[in-house]
Protein backbone atom coordinates (compact mmCIF):
# COMPACT_ATOMS: atom_id res chain seq x y z
CA MET A 1 249.78 -66.54 -21.12
CA GLY A 2 248.12 -65.69 -24.44
CA ILE A 3 246.19 -66.99 -27.41
CA ILE A 4 247.14 -67.64 -31.00
CA LYS A 5 244.87 -68.25 -33.96
CA ALA A 6 244.44 -71.91 -34.80
CA THR A 7 243.33 -73.58 -38.03
CA PHE A 8 241.97 -77.11 -38.16
CA ASN A 9 240.71 -79.06 -41.12
CA ALA A 10 238.59 -81.32 -38.96
CA ILE A 11 238.32 -79.63 -35.62
CA GLY A 12 236.44 -82.44 -33.87
CA GLY A 13 238.79 -85.27 -34.77
CA ASN A 14 241.99 -83.34 -34.27
CA LEU A 15 241.05 -82.06 -30.84
CA ALA A 16 239.73 -85.35 -29.63
CA ASP A 17 242.86 -87.20 -30.79
CA SER A 18 245.03 -84.62 -29.03
CA TRP A 19 243.10 -84.81 -25.72
CA LEU A 20 242.52 -81.07 -25.81
CA GLU A 21 239.74 -79.07 -24.21
CA VAL A 22 237.38 -77.12 -26.43
CA ILE A 23 235.79 -74.07 -24.82
CA GLU A 24 232.81 -72.10 -26.13
CA ALA A 25 230.45 -69.51 -24.70
CA GLY A 26 227.82 -70.83 -22.34
CA GLU A 27 224.14 -70.11 -22.79
CA MET A 28 223.83 -66.77 -24.61
CA SER A 29 220.29 -65.59 -25.40
CA GLY A 30 219.27 -62.33 -27.03
CA THR A 31 219.36 -60.54 -23.67
CA THR A 32 222.55 -62.13 -22.31
CA VAL A 33 225.38 -59.62 -22.08
CA PHE A 34 228.01 -61.79 -20.37
CA THR A 35 228.62 -65.51 -19.92
CA LYS A 36 231.38 -67.87 -18.87
CA GLY A 37 233.11 -70.20 -21.31
CA VAL A 38 232.28 -73.87 -20.85
CA LYS A 39 234.03 -77.02 -22.00
CA VAL A 40 232.32 -78.95 -24.76
CA ARG A 41 232.87 -82.48 -25.99
CA THR A 42 234.00 -82.73 -29.59
CA GLY A 43 233.08 -86.38 -30.15
CA LYS A 44 233.00 -89.86 -28.66
CA ARG A 45 236.79 -90.16 -28.93
CA ASN A 46 237.35 -87.26 -26.54
CA ASN A 47 237.70 -88.81 -23.08
CA ASN A 48 239.51 -85.94 -21.42
CA LYS A 49 237.82 -85.56 -18.06
CA LYS A 50 240.92 -84.89 -15.97
CA GLY A 51 240.96 -81.11 -16.14
CA GLU A 52 239.44 -78.94 -13.45
CA GLU A 53 236.40 -76.88 -14.41
CA ASP A 54 238.05 -73.47 -13.96
CA VAL A 55 241.52 -74.33 -15.23
CA ILE A 56 242.23 -74.03 -18.94
CA SER A 57 245.03 -76.37 -19.94
CA ASN A 58 247.90 -75.19 -22.09
CA GLY A 59 247.06 -76.05 -25.71
CA SER A 60 243.28 -75.88 -25.26
CA VAL A 61 241.18 -74.37 -28.03
CA ILE A 62 238.67 -71.55 -27.51
CA HIS A 63 235.94 -71.17 -30.16
CA VAL A 64 234.67 -67.61 -30.65
CA TYR A 65 231.50 -67.06 -32.70
CA PRO A 66 230.61 -63.91 -34.67
CA GLY A 67 229.22 -61.15 -32.47
CA GLN A 68 231.19 -62.31 -29.41
CA PHE A 69 234.12 -60.84 -27.50
CA MET A 70 236.30 -63.30 -25.58
CA LEU A 71 238.33 -62.42 -22.48
CA LEU A 72 241.01 -64.76 -21.16
CA VAL A 73 241.39 -64.25 -17.41
CA ASP A 74 244.12 -65.65 -15.18
CA GLY A 75 244.20 -65.01 -11.46
CA GLY A 76 241.63 -62.25 -11.80
CA LYS A 77 243.68 -60.45 -14.49
CA VAL A 78 242.68 -60.04 -18.13
CA VAL A 79 245.65 -61.56 -19.96
CA ASP A 80 244.35 -61.63 -23.54
CA PHE A 81 241.24 -61.06 -25.63
CA THR A 82 239.83 -61.31 -29.12
CA ALA A 83 237.00 -59.54 -30.94
CA GLU A 84 237.40 -61.73 -34.03
CA GLU A 85 235.55 -64.98 -34.60
CA GLY A 86 237.53 -68.18 -35.06
CA TYR A 87 239.51 -70.85 -33.17
CA TYR A 88 242.21 -69.77 -30.72
CA LYS A 89 244.81 -71.96 -29.08
CA VAL A 90 245.89 -71.16 -25.52
CA ASP A 91 249.67 -70.81 -25.34
CA ASN A 92 251.05 -70.11 -21.88
CA SER A 93 254.46 -69.33 -23.32
CA SER A 94 253.27 -66.56 -25.63
CA ALA A 95 252.68 -62.87 -25.07
CA PRO A 96 249.12 -61.53 -25.38
CA SER A 97 248.03 -61.34 -29.02
CA LEU A 98 245.17 -58.84 -28.50
CA PHE A 99 242.97 -59.47 -31.53
CA ALA A 100 241.09 -56.14 -31.39
CA GLY A 101 239.05 -56.69 -34.57
CA GLN A 102 236.53 -53.90 -35.17
CA PHE A 103 237.65 -51.98 -32.06
CA GLY A 104 241.22 -51.30 -33.21
CA LYS A 105 243.83 -49.46 -31.15
CA SER A 106 241.34 -48.00 -28.66
CA LEU A 107 240.65 -51.43 -27.20
CA LYS A 108 244.36 -52.20 -26.83
CA ASP A 109 244.77 -48.92 -24.97
CA ALA A 110 241.91 -49.89 -22.65
CA PHE A 111 243.56 -53.27 -22.07
CA ALA A 112 246.76 -51.54 -21.00
CA ARG A 113 244.79 -49.65 -18.33
CA ILE A 114 242.84 -52.54 -16.81
CA LYS A 115 244.94 -55.66 -17.29
CA PHE A 116 246.38 -55.55 -13.76
CA GLY A 117 242.99 -55.10 -12.08
CA GLY A 118 240.82 -57.73 -10.43
CA THR A 119 241.03 -59.94 -7.41
CA PRO A 120 243.81 -62.50 -6.93
CA SER A 121 242.81 -66.05 -7.80
CA TYR A 122 244.35 -69.24 -9.13
CA ALA A 123 241.43 -69.75 -11.53
CA GLN A 124 241.83 -69.54 -15.28
CA LYS A 125 238.63 -68.71 -17.16
CA ALA A 126 237.33 -67.60 -20.52
CA TYR A 127 234.47 -65.13 -20.57
CA PHE A 128 232.33 -63.98 -23.46
CA ILE A 129 230.59 -60.62 -23.98
CA ASN A 130 227.70 -60.26 -26.42
CA LEU A 131 228.51 -57.66 -29.08
CA GLN A 132 225.14 -57.95 -30.81
CA GLU A 133 222.31 -55.47 -30.28
CA ILE A 134 220.58 -56.29 -26.97
CA LYS A 135 216.91 -55.78 -27.80
CA GLY A 136 213.56 -55.75 -26.06
CA ILE A 137 214.48 -53.82 -22.88
CA LYS A 138 211.12 -52.55 -21.65
CA PHE A 139 210.56 -49.06 -20.25
CA GLY A 140 207.67 -46.95 -19.03
CA THR A 141 207.53 -43.46 -17.54
CA ARG A 142 206.64 -43.70 -13.86
CA THR A 143 204.98 -40.27 -13.76
CA PRO A 144 203.48 -38.12 -16.55
CA VAL A 145 206.02 -36.06 -18.49
CA ASN A 146 205.14 -32.41 -19.15
CA TYR A 147 204.95 -31.46 -22.83
CA PHE A 148 204.19 -27.95 -24.06
CA ASP A 149 202.40 -28.25 -27.39
CA SER A 150 202.48 -25.05 -29.45
CA PHE A 151 199.59 -26.29 -31.61
CA TYR A 152 197.29 -26.57 -28.59
CA ASN A 153 199.13 -23.70 -26.87
CA SER A 154 198.97 -25.61 -23.62
CA GLU A 155 201.11 -27.56 -21.17
CA LEU A 156 200.09 -31.19 -21.55
CA PHE A 157 201.24 -34.38 -19.81
CA LEU A 158 201.92 -37.76 -21.34
CA ARG A 159 203.10 -41.25 -20.42
CA ALA A 160 205.22 -43.35 -22.78
CA HIS A 161 205.82 -47.11 -22.86
CA GLY A 162 207.94 -49.17 -25.20
CA ASN A 163 211.26 -50.94 -25.70
CA TYR A 164 214.82 -49.85 -26.25
CA SER A 165 218.03 -51.61 -27.20
CA ILE A 166 221.69 -51.16 -26.29
CA LYS A 167 224.98 -52.12 -27.90
CA ILE A 168 228.28 -52.72 -26.14
CA THR A 169 230.90 -50.45 -27.73
CA ASP A 170 233.83 -50.98 -25.34
CA PRO A 171 233.74 -54.56 -23.99
CA LEU A 172 236.74 -54.16 -21.68
CA LYS A 173 235.22 -51.13 -19.97
CA PHE A 174 231.86 -52.89 -19.86
CA TYR A 175 233.52 -55.89 -18.17
CA THR A 176 235.28 -53.83 -15.50
CA GLU A 177 232.48 -51.32 -14.80
CA VAL A 178 229.22 -53.20 -15.32
CA ILE A 179 229.72 -56.94 -14.77
CA PRO A 180 229.44 -57.96 -11.08
CA LYS A 181 232.50 -59.67 -9.62
CA ASN A 182 232.49 -63.47 -9.70
CA ALA A 183 229.44 -63.54 -12.01
CA ASP A 184 229.36 -66.41 -14.50
CA ARG A 185 226.37 -65.23 -16.50
CA VAL A 186 224.59 -61.85 -16.63
CA ASP A 187 221.30 -61.00 -18.30
CA ILE A 188 220.49 -57.36 -18.99
CA SER A 189 217.38 -57.63 -16.80
CA GLU A 190 219.58 -58.42 -13.77
CA ILE A 191 221.54 -55.16 -13.96
CA ASN A 192 219.00 -52.87 -15.59
CA GLU A 193 217.47 -51.14 -12.56
CA GLN A 194 220.11 -48.41 -12.31
CA TYR A 195 220.41 -47.98 -16.07
CA LEU A 196 216.63 -47.85 -16.52
CA SER A 197 216.44 -44.94 -14.09
CA GLU A 198 219.11 -43.10 -16.05
CA PHE A 199 217.38 -44.01 -19.32
CA LEU A 200 214.03 -42.60 -18.13
CA GLU A 201 215.72 -39.41 -16.96
CA ALA A 202 217.28 -38.98 -20.39
CA LEU A 203 213.97 -39.93 -22.04
CA THR A 204 212.22 -37.12 -20.17
CA ALA A 205 214.86 -34.65 -21.37
CA ALA A 206 214.54 -35.98 -24.94
CA ILE A 207 210.74 -35.62 -24.89
CA ASN A 208 211.12 -32.05 -23.64
CA ARG A 209 213.48 -31.33 -26.54
CA MET A 210 210.88 -32.68 -28.97
CA SER A 211 208.41 -30.27 -27.40
CA ALA A 212 210.85 -27.37 -27.80
CA ASP A 213 211.33 -28.32 -31.47
CA GLY A 214 207.59 -27.90 -32.07
CA ILE A 215 206.63 -31.55 -32.66
CA ARG A 216 202.93 -32.04 -31.92
CA ILE A 217 202.18 -34.28 -28.98
CA SER A 218 200.06 -36.59 -31.14
CA PHE A 219 203.12 -37.25 -33.36
CA VAL A 220 205.40 -38.45 -30.54
CA ALA A 221 204.48 -42.13 -30.96
CA SER A 222 205.53 -42.06 -34.62
CA LYS A 223 208.85 -40.32 -34.01
CA SER A 224 210.93 -43.30 -32.82
CA ARG A 225 213.88 -42.47 -35.08
CA GLU A 226 213.99 -38.83 -33.96
CA LEU A 227 213.63 -39.92 -30.33
CA SER A 228 216.59 -42.30 -30.74
CA GLU A 229 218.66 -39.38 -32.01
CA TYR A 230 217.58 -37.20 -29.08
CA MET A 231 218.44 -40.03 -26.67
CA ALA A 232 221.84 -40.46 -28.29
CA SER A 233 222.73 -36.83 -27.60
CA GLU A 234 221.35 -37.00 -24.05
CA LEU A 235 222.76 -40.34 -22.86
CA ASP A 236 225.24 -41.99 -25.20
CA ALA A 237 228.26 -39.85 -24.34
CA SER A 238 228.08 -40.59 -20.62
CA TRP A 239 227.23 -44.28 -21.07
CA ARG A 240 230.09 -44.81 -23.52
CA GLU A 241 232.53 -43.04 -21.23
CA MET A 242 231.41 -44.67 -17.99
CA ARG A 243 230.26 -48.13 -19.06
CA GLY A 244 231.24 -48.85 -22.65
CA MET A 245 227.70 -49.11 -24.04
CA GLU A 246 225.19 -46.90 -25.85
CA VAL A 247 221.51 -46.73 -26.72
CA GLN A 248 220.98 -48.27 -30.16
CA SER A 249 217.26 -47.60 -30.77
CA VAL A 250 214.07 -46.55 -28.99
CA GLY A 251 210.63 -47.85 -29.94
CA ILE A 252 207.51 -46.29 -28.41
CA ALA A 253 204.66 -48.78 -28.20
CA SER A 254 202.05 -46.43 -26.72
CA VAL A 255 201.56 -42.84 -25.62
CA SER A 256 198.74 -41.87 -23.25
CA TYR A 257 197.64 -38.55 -21.74
CA ASP A 258 196.40 -37.70 -18.27
CA GLU A 259 192.71 -36.80 -17.90
CA GLU A 260 193.23 -33.04 -17.82
CA SER A 261 195.30 -33.18 -21.02
CA LYS A 262 192.60 -35.26 -22.70
CA GLU A 263 189.99 -32.64 -21.80
CA LEU A 264 192.15 -29.80 -23.18
CA ILE A 265 192.85 -31.68 -26.44
CA ASN A 266 189.16 -32.55 -26.90
CA MET A 267 188.12 -28.98 -26.17
CA ARG A 268 190.62 -27.62 -28.73
CA ASN A 269 189.54 -30.15 -31.37
CA LYS A 270 185.85 -29.42 -30.76
CA GLY A 271 186.51 -25.70 -31.04
CA ALA A 272 188.34 -26.23 -34.34
CA MET A 273 185.37 -28.17 -35.70
CA LEU A 274 182.84 -25.61 -34.55
CA SER A 275 184.75 -22.84 -36.32
CA ASP A 276 183.25 -24.29 -39.52
CA ALA A 277 179.85 -22.56 -40.02
CA SER A 278 178.14 -25.63 -41.51
CA VAL A 279 179.32 -27.83 -38.61
CA ARG A 280 178.26 -25.16 -36.14
CA GLU A 281 174.76 -24.90 -37.66
CA GLY A 282 174.41 -28.66 -37.62
CA TYR A 283 175.35 -28.67 -33.93
CA VAL A 284 172.65 -26.04 -33.17
CA GLN A 285 169.99 -27.93 -35.08
CA GLY A 286 171.07 -31.21 -33.49
CA SER A 287 170.77 -29.68 -30.02
CA VAL A 288 167.17 -28.64 -30.75
CA ALA A 289 166.30 -32.09 -32.08
CA ARG A 290 167.83 -33.79 -29.03
CA GLY A 291 165.84 -31.52 -26.74
CA ILE A 292 162.53 -32.37 -28.49
CA GLU A 293 163.39 -36.08 -28.40
CA ALA A 294 164.10 -35.91 -24.68
CA ALA A 295 160.84 -34.08 -24.09
CA GLY A 296 158.88 -36.84 -25.83
CA SER A 297 160.29 -39.41 -23.41
CA ASN A 298 159.57 -37.35 -20.31
CA SER A 299 157.84 -39.58 -17.72
CA ALA A 300 155.89 -36.61 -16.34
CA GLY A 301 153.90 -36.43 -19.55
CA SER A 302 154.68 -35.25 -23.03
CA ALA A 303 152.18 -32.36 -22.88
CA ALA A 304 153.91 -30.77 -19.91
CA ALA A 305 157.28 -31.52 -21.44
CA PHE A 306 156.44 -29.93 -24.78
CA MET A 307 155.00 -26.93 -22.91
CA GLY A 308 158.43 -26.59 -21.27
CA VAL A 309 160.12 -26.95 -24.63
CA GLY A 310 157.90 -24.22 -26.07
CA MET A 311 158.70 -21.88 -23.19
CA GLY A 312 162.41 -22.65 -23.62
CA MET A 313 162.26 -22.04 -27.33
CA ASN A 314 160.44 -18.74 -26.80
CA ALA A 315 163.06 -17.71 -24.27
CA GLY A 316 165.99 -18.84 -26.40
CA GLY A 317 164.45 -18.21 -29.77
CA GLY A 318 166.17 -14.92 -30.19
CA PHE A 319 169.56 -16.47 -29.51
CA MET A 320 168.95 -19.47 -31.80
CA GLY A 321 167.67 -17.24 -34.57
CA ALA A 322 170.70 -14.98 -34.30
CA ALA A 323 173.04 -18.00 -34.24
CA THR A 324 171.38 -19.51 -37.31
CA GLU A 325 171.52 -16.20 -39.16
CA THR A 326 175.22 -15.83 -38.32
CA ASN A 327 175.93 -19.36 -39.50
CA ARG A 328 173.93 -18.76 -42.71
CA ARG A 329 175.93 -15.65 -43.56
CA ALA A 330 179.19 -17.44 -42.80
CA MET A 331 178.21 -20.37 -45.05
CA GLU A 332 177.27 -17.97 -47.84
CA LYS A 333 180.66 -16.28 -47.55
CA ASP A 334 182.38 -19.67 -47.61
CA ALA A 335 180.43 -20.62 -50.75
CA GLU A 336 181.29 -17.29 -52.41
CA ARG A 337 184.95 -17.70 -51.54
CA ARG A 338 185.04 -21.27 -52.91
CA ALA A 339 183.30 -20.11 -56.10
CA ALA A 340 185.76 -17.25 -56.49
CA ASP A 341 188.71 -19.61 -55.98
CA ALA A 342 187.30 -22.02 -58.56
CA ALA A 343 186.75 -19.19 -61.06
CA ALA A 344 190.29 -17.92 -60.53
CA ALA A 345 191.69 -21.40 -61.03
CA ALA A 346 189.64 -21.85 -64.21
CA ALA A 347 190.85 -18.47 -65.48
CA ARG A 348 194.46 -19.47 -64.87
CA ASP A 349 194.00 -22.75 -66.73
CA SER A 350 191.99 -21.33 -69.66
CA TRP A 351 193.52 -20.57 -73.04
CA THR A 352 192.29 -19.20 -76.38
CA CYS A 353 192.76 -21.26 -79.52
CA SER A 354 193.78 -19.72 -82.87
CA CYS A 355 190.19 -20.36 -84.01
CA GLY A 356 188.93 -18.03 -81.28
CA ALA A 357 187.42 -20.65 -78.95
CA THR A 358 188.19 -20.44 -75.21
CA ASN A 359 189.17 -23.76 -73.62
CA SER A 360 190.35 -25.24 -70.31
CA GLY A 361 191.55 -28.68 -71.46
CA LYS A 362 194.59 -29.79 -73.44
CA PHE A 363 192.75 -29.65 -76.79
CA CYS A 364 190.44 -27.10 -78.38
CA SER A 365 186.80 -28.11 -78.02
CA GLU A 366 186.00 -26.42 -81.32
CA CYS A 367 188.72 -27.46 -83.78
CA GLY A 368 190.72 -30.05 -81.80
CA SER A 369 194.02 -28.17 -81.94
CA PRO A 370 196.41 -28.91 -79.03
CA LYS A 371 196.96 -26.33 -76.32
CA PRO A 372 200.05 -24.27 -77.23
CA ALA A 373 202.93 -24.59 -74.82
CA ALA A 374 203.51 -21.61 -72.57
CA ARG A 375 206.52 -19.48 -73.38
CA GLY A 376 209.63 -21.05 -71.93
CA SER A 377 207.70 -24.08 -70.65
CA TRP A 378 208.99 -27.63 -70.72
CA VAL A 379 207.56 -31.06 -69.94
CA CYS A 380 209.30 -33.19 -67.33
CA ALA A 381 209.80 -36.94 -67.72
CA CYS A 382 207.03 -37.40 -65.15
CA GLY A 383 204.60 -35.63 -67.52
CA THR A 384 204.28 -32.33 -65.62
CA GLU A 385 204.49 -29.06 -67.59
CA ASN A 386 206.76 -26.52 -65.94
CA THR A 387 208.16 -23.05 -66.53
CA GLY A 388 210.92 -22.95 -63.90
CA LYS A 389 214.31 -24.64 -63.72
CA PHE A 390 212.99 -27.60 -61.73
CA CYS A 391 209.87 -29.78 -62.00
CA SER A 392 207.17 -28.68 -59.58
CA GLU A 393 206.01 -32.29 -59.16
CA CYS A 394 209.16 -34.42 -58.82
CA GLY A 395 211.95 -31.84 -58.50
CA SER A 396 213.91 -32.99 -61.57
CA PRO A 397 216.05 -30.28 -63.22
CA LYS A 398 214.98 -28.80 -66.53
CA PRO A 399 216.66 -30.68 -69.39
CA ALA A 400 218.86 -28.49 -71.60
CA THR A 401 217.63 -29.81 -74.96
CA GLU A 402 215.27 -27.42 -76.75
CA TRP A 403 212.70 -24.67 -76.30
CA THR A 404 209.43 -23.82 -78.03
CA CYS A 405 208.69 -20.32 -79.29
CA GLU A 406 205.26 -18.65 -79.05
CA CYS A 407 204.87 -19.25 -82.76
CA GLY A 408 205.17 -22.97 -82.13
CA THR A 409 208.68 -23.43 -83.55
CA VAL A 410 210.95 -25.81 -81.65
CA ASN A 411 214.49 -24.47 -81.33
CA PRO A 412 217.70 -26.01 -79.94
CA ALA A 413 218.65 -25.06 -76.36
CA SER A 414 221.79 -23.27 -77.59
CA SER A 415 219.72 -20.89 -79.77
CA LYS A 416 218.78 -17.59 -78.09
CA PHE A 417 216.38 -16.50 -80.89
CA CYS A 418 213.57 -18.31 -82.70
CA SER A 419 214.71 -19.52 -86.11
CA GLU A 420 211.23 -18.85 -87.56
CA CYS A 421 210.10 -15.47 -86.20
CA GLY A 422 213.28 -14.15 -84.57
CA LYS A 423 211.78 -13.68 -81.09
CA LYS A 424 214.16 -13.90 -78.17
CA LYS A 425 214.11 -17.02 -76.06
């Protein structure tokens, strides 16, 4: 028993006139991985109702759509298959044709290993496997996953939720290892419990690898592509070998932290902010203002409250004064450093015109002459002036066209000396 490719000019009329059965895949949604072939009516002229539901008559036509893999099963044995879309005529007198399509020789080798498997039965059936990406499989970590973040220098814990997708890479292996016996239709949600557990185990290992690679915990949600690659190395090899499928992509919808991790992250962020002297001084002054405001609303009486504030300020005045003085000195140093950096930058950008005026722009403020090009400099197509072999802005290589001497003479790139003053390039 086998199948041969069939070509029809008017498939409906021809099949109906010939009293043949037309078989197509049953209901196949975006999450359907396996479904039984069902007989369809090709028109009003087709009155063939004699055939049994699970017996495919010799000469019947099976219609395979793109993204589908069709298995022809007889007595529990896979007798033929096709991974190519089109119309196929059932020919009980022919040998298996084995239209492997995109899968090539590897699928024919797999067929040779499994074709005698299965349970004995008189039934003849066509089954279809979905070769498209099976999307929208939800996942969520059941317990927090530990994540050492080198930026925070702390062991943190996170939960991740999202969706992942799979793709069937070896449909024959998938049929024999994953599809339950005697099933007529299988949705991924019906068989996902075991695979979800394995997926989450691999996800935990992948997240730990991201931690080892130094990715900050706050970046995990935006690293779906990297996570897919980690998952591929953790899970794909075993899934392909055991079940004929692999993880196609992983999308993280949300990442949350446990309470202790939140406290550590907030404490680290607050400490980073308070390392700035101006922020620190503002925090000190704000604390004093909040204390006075609270004293004014004291129900025991503002006089007594302000007396307490005065005593507190006397007791802590030395500390507050020292803190303010420290912050003031730090802010002065910051201002001096910024001024020094600005002066150094201005000095680097300044140039002296031939008229003697010192300038920082592209033209002399005194006589309007353009800024002379630096020795060996060149201007990239993006407009950036450079001195190296590549543009510092866009990375384009230096064009080998010409060079400008200090005297202002433009020379060809092949010339090693200036044609005007004789200086070396």
